[in-house]
Amino acid sequence: MSAEEAAKLKTTLTPLGAEKAGNADGSIPAWDGKSAPQVAKLNTGHSADPYAAEKPLFFIDANNSGQYVDKLSQGTIELMKKYPSFRVDVYPTHRTAAAPRYVYENTYTNATRASLGEDGEVKNAFGGVPFPIPKSGEEVIWNHILHPRISSSEFGLKNVVGSSNGRWTIATRAENNNQSPYYARSGNAEKWSGDYLLARFVNTDPPFKAGEALVIRDNVSLVNSRQAWQYLVGQRRVRRAPTVAYDTPDFVASGANYFDEVIGFYGSPDRYSWKLLGKKEMYIPYNTNGFQATPMDDALVPFHFNPDKVRWELHRVWVVEATVAAGKRHVLPKRTFYFDEDTWAVSMIDGYDAEGKLWRSSYVMPTVEPDYPIVIADTTFVYDLQAKTFSCVQCFNEEYFRVVDDKPNSFFTGASMGASGLR
């Protein structure tokens, strides 16, 4: 885009490209550049709920959902129909999305430099949102894929599966290392290899899965978008895992979700055509630190997350419709994505089956970490509305979190995983 259009990032738009002004009735406030108030750290390392003293303004359930249908996703409405216990508690909106100054500076540079090649690959971007003033659905999904992240972190996580009888169980617990070379403070566009997210995790529970491990390396190249290696205890060797992608059932979560449903959308966007439908105001989970601080036994109720513990707010979202591209295949031929305008992270997704029936509905639980500052948008609930099951991917409840120095690139390789003395 032109320098004149990019200049909006310093006037009417936030440094990441959202509308700086609030909405007409003030229910969405203006963005003031501040993250959430500083709060104490929990013993897990996560930030406590900065708005714990606030009460809901009102709630929405199956009885009154018709009044708010324009601000609810189809999946949310369906959950209310299926489960009388499901509701949306609406709180005051706080636009806590913030990022380090170098991310703002890189985003401004990307605005006039970044582009999508003919193959759909991001070019000439680094260290910030690549397309802060998007012109297409493809640019929006890449903004999600490359949304601001902490450069390197370590954390524990649980993958939880809910069954059709209302019971839930922990499918796996794991210790994870995440690294984003795209957001390395010492990097630049010229030196960047194209790797944007590296992950290495080891299962610790249940006992029969303890020691199983995965390494995943994601790259903006659509030809070689993902490299993955798996260590299986029974085989006692590391092997390539090319199927750890797209609509392969996620064995880490007992197959209750697909790999590209992790963190809302995880991996390459090349199996879909992406149509930008515009922007609208919707109720989405937001500032959910309180949910993450809740013990697992209280965070879930039969069939869904505990509505007493989940905070919803009114925010503007970009709406993008994804349909399977010509010559490609996916078990979800159509999906509707809702991306938070302030963070660019996906907040909700509705997925449809081959007959056009609503099948799946996903919700990302973003938490604010004002110390860095950053919004972490990883924990994802995936509801199978037809089977009446759900999966909570990367639940952080009762788990540790810490920011660490960047690890060597070699740490995120199959060879390194194999040499680490796994069980």
Protein backbone atom coordinates (compact mmCIF):
# COMPACT_ATOMS: atom_id res chain seq x y z
CA MET A 1 0.00 0.00 0.00
CA SER A 2 1.01 3.62 -0.30
CA ALA A 3 2.82 5.52 2.42
CA GLU A 4 -0.25 7.75 2.72
CA GLU A 5 -2.50 4.80 3.54
CA ALA A 6 0.06 3.29 5.91
CA ALA A 7 0.14 6.59 7.78
CA LYS A 8 -3.30 5.74 9.18
CA LEU A 9 -1.47 3.39 11.54
CA LYS A 10 -0.27 6.49 13.34
CA THR A 11 -3.58 8.39 13.31
CA THR A 12 -7.01 6.74 13.02
CA LEU A 13 -5.83 3.14 13.34
CA THR A 14 -3.97 1.36 16.12
CA PRO A 15 -0.36 0.37 15.40
CA LEU A 16 -1.63 -3.12 14.46
CA GLY A 17 -4.42 -1.86 12.18
CA ALA A 18 -7.62 -1.85 14.26
CA GLU A 19 -10.01 1.08 14.38
CA LYS A 20 -8.78 3.29 17.19
CA ALA A 21 -12.19 4.86 17.84
CA GLY A 22 -14.89 3.18 19.88
CA ASN A 23 -18.35 2.43 18.53
CA ALA A 24 -21.31 4.81 18.41
CA ASP A 25 -22.92 3.89 21.73
CA GLY A 26 -19.66 3.52 23.65
CA SER A 27 -20.08 -0.20 24.34
CA ILE A 28 -16.74 -0.67 22.56
CA PRO A 29 -14.34 1.95 23.96
CA ALA A 30 -11.59 3.72 22.07
CA TRP A 31 -8.21 2.01 22.07
CA ASP A 32 -5.86 3.97 24.35
CA GLY A 33 -2.67 1.99 23.84
CA LYS A 34 -2.69 0.49 27.32
CA SER A 35 -2.72 -3.15 28.21
CA ALA A 36 -4.61 -4.42 31.27
CA PRO A 37 -3.72 -3.08 34.72
CA GLN A 38 -0.65 -4.67 36.30
CA VAL A 39 -1.73 -7.60 38.46
CA ALA A 40 -0.03 -10.20 40.59
CA LYS A 41 1.35 -13.32 39.01
CA LEU A 42 -0.25 -16.60 39.94
CA ASN A 43 2.06 -19.31 41.25
CA THR A 44 1.81 -20.85 37.78
CA GLY A 45 3.46 -17.81 36.17
CA HIS A 46 0.28 -16.65 34.40
CA SER A 47 -1.18 -13.24 35.21
CA ALA A 48 -4.18 -13.12 37.51
CA ASP A 49 -7.54 -11.81 36.32
CA PRO A 50 -7.17 -8.00 36.08
CA TYR A 51 -10.96 -7.56 36.12
CA ALA A 52 -11.90 -10.06 38.80
CA ALA A 53 -14.06 -7.50 40.65
CA GLU A 54 -16.32 -6.83 37.66
CA LYS A 55 -19.79 -8.34 37.35
CA PRO A 56 -21.59 -9.30 34.11
CA LEU A 57 -23.69 -6.57 32.49
CA PHE A 58 -26.22 -9.19 31.36
CA PHE A 59 -26.36 -12.77 30.11
CA ILE A 60 -27.61 -14.44 26.95
CA ASP A 61 -29.10 -17.92 26.82
CA ALA A 62 -31.59 -19.85 24.70
CA ASN A 63 -34.48 -17.80 26.11
CA ASN A 64 -33.27 -14.38 24.98
CA SER A 65 -30.73 -15.19 22.26
CA GLY A 66 -33.12 -13.90 19.58
CA GLN A 67 -32.46 -10.35 20.78
CA TYR A 68 -28.73 -10.71 20.08
CA VAL A 69 -28.64 -12.95 17.01
CA ASP A 70 -26.71 -10.37 14.98
CA LYS A 71 -23.87 -10.44 17.53
CA LEU A 72 -23.61 -14.21 18.06
CA SER A 73 -22.02 -16.84 15.87
CA GLN A 74 -24.17 -19.65 14.51
CA GLY A 75 -22.23 -22.09 16.66
CA THR A 76 -22.98 -20.12 19.82
CA ILE A 77 -26.71 -20.10 19.06
CA GLU A 78 -26.63 -23.84 18.40
CA LEU A 79 -24.82 -24.54 21.69
CA MET A 80 -27.58 -22.66 23.52
CA LYS A 81 -30.22 -24.76 21.77
CA LYS A 82 -28.49 -28.05 22.56
CA TYR A 83 -27.51 -27.32 26.15
CA PRO A 84 -29.83 -25.26 28.40
CA SER A 85 -26.88 -24.84 30.77
CA PHE A 86 -24.83 -22.96 28.14
CA ARG A 87 -24.96 -19.17 28.26
CA VAL A 88 -22.90 -16.08 27.45
CA ASP A 89 -22.06 -13.70 30.30
CA VAL A 90 -21.34 -10.27 28.79
CA TYR A 91 -18.90 -8.01 30.65
CA PRO A 92 -17.64 -4.47 29.95
CA THR A 93 -15.29 -4.39 26.98
CA HIS A 94 -11.60 -3.74 27.63
CA ARG A 95 -9.32 -3.34 24.62
CA THR A 96 -6.23 -4.76 26.28
CA ALA A 97 -4.45 -5.77 23.08
CA ALA A 98 -0.95 -4.34 23.13
CA ALA A 99 2.48 -5.40 21.94
CA PRO A 100 6.11 -4.30 22.38
CA ARG A 101 7.14 -1.16 20.52
CA TYR A 102 9.39 -3.07 18.09
CA VAL A 103 6.30 -5.02 16.93
CA TYR A 104 4.51 -1.72 16.19
CA GLU A 105 7.52 -0.41 14.27
CA ASN A 106 7.84 -3.61 12.24
CA THR A 107 4.11 -3.59 11.47
CA TYR A 108 4.39 -0.06 10.07
CA THR A 109 7.31 -1.18 7.90
CA ASN A 110 5.41 -4.27 6.75
CA ALA A 111 2.48 -2.11 5.64
CA THR A 112 4.40 -0.76 2.64
CA ARG A 113 6.76 -3.71 2.13
CA ALA A 114 4.94 -7.03 2.66
CA SER A 115 3.09 -8.79 -0.13
CA LEU A 116 1.58 -12.12 -1.13
CA GLY A 117 3.33 -13.91 -3.96
CA GLU A 118 1.43 -15.62 -6.77
CA ASP A 119 1.69 -18.84 -4.77
CA GLY A 120 0.09 -17.19 -1.73
CA GLU A 121 3.32 -17.05 0.26
CA VAL A 122 4.07 -14.04 2.48
CA LYS A 123 7.06 -12.05 1.28
CA ASN A 124 9.10 -9.19 2.76
CA ALA A 125 7.47 -9.22 6.19
CA PHE A 126 9.03 -9.63 9.60
CA GLY A 127 8.40 -9.06 13.28
CA GLY A 128 4.90 -7.56 13.05
CA VAL A 129 1.46 -7.96 11.52
CA PRO A 130 2.15 -8.40 7.78
CA PHE A 131 -1.04 -6.76 6.43
CA PRO A 132 -2.40 -4.32 9.04
CA ILE A 133 -4.83 -2.82 6.49
CA PRO A 134 -5.99 -6.01 4.72
CA LYS A 135 -7.49 -6.10 1.24
CA SER A 136 -8.36 -9.81 1.07
CA GLY A 137 -9.26 -12.85 3.13
CA GLU A 138 -5.84 -14.35 2.40
CA GLU A 139 -4.18 -11.36 4.04
CA VAL A 140 -6.40 -11.69 7.12
CA ILE A 141 -5.61 -15.38 7.67
CA TRP A 142 -1.91 -14.61 7.38
CA ASN A 143 -2.36 -11.86 9.96
CA HIS A 144 -3.70 -14.53 12.30
CA ILE A 145 -0.94 -16.98 11.49
CA LEU A 146 1.68 -14.28 12.14
CA HIS A 147 -0.10 -12.41 14.95
CA PRO A 148 2.14 -11.08 17.77
CA ARG A 149 3.71 -13.76 19.93
CA ILE A 150 6.26 -14.04 22.69
CA SER A 151 9.57 -14.97 21.11
CA SER A 152 10.22 -18.00 23.33
CA SER A 153 8.26 -19.64 26.14
CA GLU A 154 7.87 -22.85 28.12
CA PHE A 155 4.58 -24.05 29.56
CA GLY A 156 2.52 -27.01 30.66
CA LEU A 157 -0.77 -27.86 28.98
CA LYS A 158 -3.63 -30.30 29.12
CA ASN A 159 -5.73 -31.66 26.27
CA VAL A 160 -9.22 -32.48 27.53
CA VAL A 161 -11.92 -34.48 25.76
CA GLY A 162 -15.63 -34.31 26.58
CA SER A 163 -17.83 -37.25 25.60
CA SER A 164 -21.46 -37.44 24.51
CA ASN A 165 -22.54 -38.59 27.98
CA GLY A 166 -21.40 -35.29 29.49
CA ARG A 167 -18.25 -36.61 31.12
CA TRP A 168 -14.77 -35.32 30.39
CA THR A 169 -11.29 -36.71 30.78
CA ILE A 170 -7.71 -35.47 30.37
CA ALA A 171 -6.46 -37.08 27.17
CA THR A 172 -2.87 -35.93 27.64
CA ARG A 173 -0.74 -33.59 29.69
CA ALA A 174 2.42 -32.24 28.10
CA GLU A 175 5.34 -29.90 28.64
CA ASN A 176 5.80 -27.58 25.71
CA ASN A 177 8.45 -25.30 24.22
CA ASN A 178 7.25 -22.66 21.74
CA GLN A 179 9.45 -20.33 19.76
CA SER A 180 8.63 -17.71 17.14
CA PRO A 181 11.67 -16.82 15.01
CA TYR A 182 9.45 -14.32 13.20
CA TYR A 183 9.30 -12.25 16.40
CA ALA A 184 12.95 -12.60 17.43
CA ARG A 185 14.11 -9.15 18.55
CA SER A 186 17.52 -9.69 16.95
CA GLY A 187 16.13 -10.77 13.58
CA ASN A 188 15.16 -8.97 10.39
CA ALA A 189 13.40 -9.72 7.11
CA GLU A 190 16.66 -10.27 5.24
CA LYS A 191 17.97 -12.94 7.64
CA TRP A 192 14.65 -14.63 8.39
CA SER A 193 14.40 -18.22 7.10
CA GLY A 194 10.60 -18.20 6.83
CA ASP A 195 10.11 -20.34 9.95
CA TYR A 196 7.47 -18.59 12.04
CA LEU A 197 6.48 -21.07 14.77
CA LEU A 198 8.51 -23.90 16.29
CA ALA A 199 7.06 -26.29 18.87
CA ARG A 200 8.47 -29.20 20.82
CA PHE A 201 6.49 -31.00 23.45
CA VAL A 202 6.68 -34.18 25.51
CA ASN A 203 3.71 -35.99 27.02
CA THR A 204 3.93 -36.64 30.76
CA ASP A 205 0.46 -38.18 31.30
CA PRO A 206 -1.30 -40.57 31.13
CA PRO A 207 1.42 -43.10 31.94
CA PHE A 208 0.98 -45.13 28.77
CA LYS A 209 1.61 -41.97 26.70
CA ALA A 210 4.40 -40.57 28.87
CA GLY A 211 7.51 -39.91 26.82
CA GLU A 212 5.77 -39.53 23.47
CA ALA A 213 7.00 -36.36 21.80
CA LEU A 214 6.49 -34.13 18.78
CA VAL A 215 8.54 -31.44 17.07
CA ILE A 216 6.76 -29.15 14.60
CA ARG A 217 8.33 -26.47 12.42
CA ASP A 218 6.02 -24.18 10.45
CA ASN A 219 7.22 -22.08 7.52
CA VAL A 220 5.49 -19.51 5.30
CA SER A 221 6.52 -21.55 2.26
CA LEU A 222 3.45 -23.35 0.96
CA VAL A 223 5.64 -25.95 -0.73
CA ASN A 224 7.31 -26.97 2.52
CA SER A 225 4.94 -25.41 5.05
CA ARG A 226 5.35 -27.93 7.86
CA GLN A 227 8.03 -30.34 9.03
CA ALA A 228 7.17 -32.67 11.89
CA TRP A 229 8.86 -35.49 13.78
CA GLN A 230 7.29 -37.90 16.26
CA TYR A 231 8.87 -40.04 18.97
CA LEU A 232 6.90 -43.15 19.99
CA VAL A 233 8.00 -44.94 23.15
CA GLY A 234 7.08 -48.39 21.83
CA GLN A 235 9.24 -47.95 18.72
CA ARG A 236 12.01 -46.10 20.59
CA ARG A 237 12.87 -44.03 17.56
CA VAL A 238 12.13 -40.70 15.93
CA ARG A 239 10.32 -40.74 12.61
CA ARG A 240 8.96 -38.15 10.23
CA ALA A 241 5.28 -37.30 10.73
CA PRO A 242 4.02 -35.70 7.50
CA THR A 243 0.36 -36.31 8.42
CA VAL A 244 0.51 -34.04 11.48
CA ALA A 245 -1.38 -31.30 9.63
CA TYR A 246 -4.67 -30.17 8.13
CA ASP A 247 -7.66 -32.45 8.85
CA THR A 248 -5.73 -35.37 10.31
CA PRO A 249 -7.34 -36.25 13.67
CA ASP A 250 -5.16 -34.87 16.47
CA PHE A 251 -3.87 -37.99 18.25
CA VAL A 252 -2.52 -35.79 21.07
CA ALA A 253 -6.17 -35.08 21.95
CA SER A 254 -7.35 -38.64 21.23
CA GLY A 255 -8.57 -37.56 17.80
CA ALA A 256 -11.31 -35.28 19.18
CA ASN A 257 -10.21 -32.39 16.95
CA TYR A 258 -8.21 -31.94 13.76
CA PHE A 259 -4.64 -30.68 13.76
CA ASP A 260 -5.55 -27.43 12.01
CA GLU A 261 -8.13 -26.68 14.73
CA VAL A 262 -5.38 -26.26 17.33
CA ILE A 263 -4.99 -22.61 18.49
CA GLY A 264 -8.02 -21.75 16.37
CA PHE A 265 -6.24 -22.40 13.10
CA TYR A 266 -2.81 -24.03 12.97
CA GLY A 267 -0.76 -24.54 9.85
CA SER A 268 -0.88 -23.69 6.18
CA PRO A 269 -3.95 -21.94 4.65
CA ASP A 270 -3.43 -23.42 1.18
CA ARG A 271 -6.38 -25.85 1.18
CA TYR A 272 -8.93 -23.03 1.25
CA SER A 273 -9.99 -20.00 -0.72
CA TRP A 274 -10.49 -17.09 1.68
CA LYS A 275 -13.24 -14.52 1.11
CA LEU A 276 -13.26 -11.33 3.17
CA LEU A 277 -16.87 -10.56 4.19
CA GLY A 278 -16.16 -7.43 6.21
CA LYS A 279 -16.18 -6.41 9.85
CA LYS A 280 -18.92 -6.55 12.50
CA GLU A 281 -19.47 -6.29 16.26
CA MET A 282 -19.78 -9.64 18.05
CA TYR A 283 -19.66 -11.15 21.52
CA ILE A 284 -16.48 -13.20 21.86
CA PRO A 285 -14.50 -14.69 24.77
CA TYR A 286 -11.97 -12.06 25.87
CA ASN A 287 -9.63 -11.34 28.78
CA THR A 288 -10.28 -14.87 30.03
CA ASN A 289 -7.52 -14.91 32.66
CA GLY A 290 -10.16 -15.87 35.23
CA PHE A 291 -11.03 -19.03 33.32
CA GLN A 292 -7.38 -20.04 32.99
CA ALA A 293 -6.92 -19.51 36.75
CA THR A 294 -9.81 -21.86 37.57
CA PRO A 295 -9.00 -25.44 38.65
CA MET A 296 -9.86 -27.94 35.92
CA ASP A 297 -12.64 -29.56 37.96
CA ASP A 298 -14.46 -26.22 38.16
CA ALA A 299 -13.59 -24.95 34.68
CA LEU A 300 -15.74 -27.57 32.94
CA VAL A 301 -19.30 -28.76 33.34
CA PRO A 302 -21.07 -31.54 31.41
CA PHE A 303 -20.87 -30.92 27.64
CA HIS A 304 -19.05 -27.53 27.70
CA PHE A 305 -16.91 -25.01 29.58
CA ASN A 306 -18.37 -23.56 32.75
CA PRO A 307 -20.22 -20.37 31.72
CA ASP A 308 -19.70 -18.96 35.24
CA LYS A 309 -15.98 -18.79 34.51
CA VAL A 310 -15.84 -17.43 30.94
CA ARG A 311 -15.84 -13.71 30.23
CA TRP A 312 -17.40 -12.48 26.95
CA GLU A 313 -17.02 -8.95 25.59
CA LEU A 314 -18.26 -6.99 22.59
CA HIS A 315 -15.49 -6.51 20.04
CA ARG A 316 -15.18 -5.80 16.33
CA VAL A 317 -14.14 -8.83 14.31
CA TRP A 318 -13.15 -9.43 10.72
CA VAL A 319 -15.37 -12.10 9.14
CA VAL A 320 -13.78 -14.42 6.57
CA GLU A 321 -15.41 -17.33 4.76
CA ALA A 322 -13.15 -20.24 3.83
CA THR A 323 -14.19 -22.75 1.17
CA VAL A 324 -12.13 -25.65 -0.10
CA ALA A 325 -9.94 -24.53 -2.99
CA ALA A 326 -10.14 -26.13 -6.43
CA GLY A 327 -8.24 -29.40 -6.53
CA LYS A 328 -7.96 -29.59 -2.73
CA ARG A 329 -9.83 -31.56 -0.08
CA HIS A 330 -10.76 -31.10 3.57
CA VAL A 331 -13.38 -32.76 5.77
CA LEU A 332 -14.67 -29.25 6.56
CA PRO A 333 -15.48 -27.86 3.10
CA LYS A 334 -16.67 -24.55 4.52
CA ARG A 335 -15.70 -22.56 7.61
CA THR A 336 -16.55 -19.08 8.85
CA PHE A 337 -13.78 -17.36 10.83
CA TYR A 338 -14.08 -14.39 13.18
CA PHE A 339 -10.80 -12.57 13.83
CA ASP A 340 -10.39 -10.05 16.66
CA GLU A 341 -9.50 -6.72 15.05
CA ASP A 342 -7.13 -5.73 17.89
CA THR A 343 -4.94 -8.86 18.02
CA TRP A 344 -5.66 -10.48 14.61
CA ALA A 345 -5.96 -13.82 16.44
CA VAL A 346 -8.99 -15.90 15.48
CA SER A 347 -11.66 -15.81 18.19
CA MET A 348 -14.40 -18.14 16.85
CA ILE A 349 -14.92 -20.54 13.95
CA ASP A 350 -18.03 -22.26 12.59
CA GLY A 351 -17.43 -25.35 10.47
CA TYR A 352 -19.88 -26.97 8.03
CA ASP A 353 -20.06 -30.51 6.66
CA ALA A 354 -20.38 -31.60 3.02
CA GLU A 355 -24.17 -31.15 3.18
CA GLY A 356 -23.83 -27.57 4.41
CA LYS A 357 -24.95 -28.40 7.96
CA LEU A 358 -23.31 -26.76 10.94
CA TRP A 359 -20.93 -29.33 12.39
CA ARG A 360 -18.27 -27.71 14.54
CA SER A 361 -17.88 -24.54 16.57
CA SER A 362 -14.59 -23.35 18.07
CA TYR A 363 -13.72 -20.70 20.67
CA VAL A 364 -10.31 -19.32 21.55
CA MET A 365 -9.72 -18.13 25.14
CA PRO A 366 -7.36 -15.13 24.96
CA THR A 367 -5.51 -14.08 28.11
CA VAL A 368 -3.70 -10.80 28.64
CA GLU A 369 -0.13 -10.69 29.97
CA PRO A 370 0.46 -6.97 30.66
CA ASP A 371 4.11 -7.40 31.69
CA TYR A 372 5.32 -8.05 28.13
CA PRO A 373 2.74 -6.81 26.91
CA ILE A 374 0.98 -9.49 24.86
CA VAL A 375 -2.32 -11.30 24.43
CA ILE A 376 -1.92 -15.08 24.34
CA ALA A 377 -4.61 -16.71 22.19
CA ASP A 378 -3.89 -20.44 22.25
CA THR A 379 -6.42 -22.33 24.41
CA THR A 380 -9.19 -23.53 22.09
CA PHE A 381 -12.50 -25.32 22.64
CA VAL A 382 -13.71 -27.32 19.64
CA TYR A 383 -17.33 -28.49 19.83
CA ASP A 384 -18.60 -31.28 17.59
CA LEU A 385 -22.25 -30.23 17.51
CA GLN A 386 -23.44 -33.40 15.81
CA ALA A 387 -21.66 -35.92 18.04
CA LYS A 388 -22.16 -33.78 21.18
CA THR A 389 -18.49 -33.99 22.12
CA PHE A 390 -15.81 -31.36 22.69
CA SER A 391 -12.07 -30.95 22.90
CA CYS A 392 -10.15 -28.37 24.92
CA VAL A 393 -6.78 -27.97 23.22
CA GLN A 394 -3.93 -26.51 25.24
CA CYS A 395 -5.81 -25.85 28.46
CA PHE A 396 -3.50 -23.87 30.76
CA ASN A 397 -5.52 -24.42 33.93
CA GLU A 398 -3.21 -25.30 36.86
CA GLU A 399 -0.21 -25.32 34.50
CA TYR A 400 3.06 -23.35 34.57
CA PHE A 401 4.13 -20.64 32.15
CA ARG A 402 7.43 -18.79 31.76
CA VAL A 403 9.16 -16.61 29.20
CA VAL A 404 12.67 -17.84 28.40
CA ASP A 405 15.64 -16.94 26.23
CA ASP A 406 15.53 -18.14 22.64
CA LYS A 407 16.75 -21.69 22.20
CA PRO A 408 19.13 -22.80 19.43
CA ASN A 409 17.41 -23.59 16.16
CA SER A 410 18.69 -27.17 16.44
CA PHE A 411 16.58 -27.74 19.57
CA PHE A 412 13.51 -27.91 17.33
CA THR A 413 14.66 -30.83 15.17
CA GLY A 414 13.99 -34.53 15.14
CA ALA A 415 17.67 -35.27 15.73
CA SER A 416 17.75 -33.17 18.89
CA MET A 417 14.58 -34.79 20.19
CA GLY A 418 16.02 -38.23 19.56
CA ALA A 419 19.24 -37.38 21.35
CA SER A 420 17.53 -36.04 24.47
CA GLY A 421 17.22 -39.38 26.19
CA LEU A 422 13.45 -39.74 26.02
CA ARG A 423 11.87 -42.75 27.66
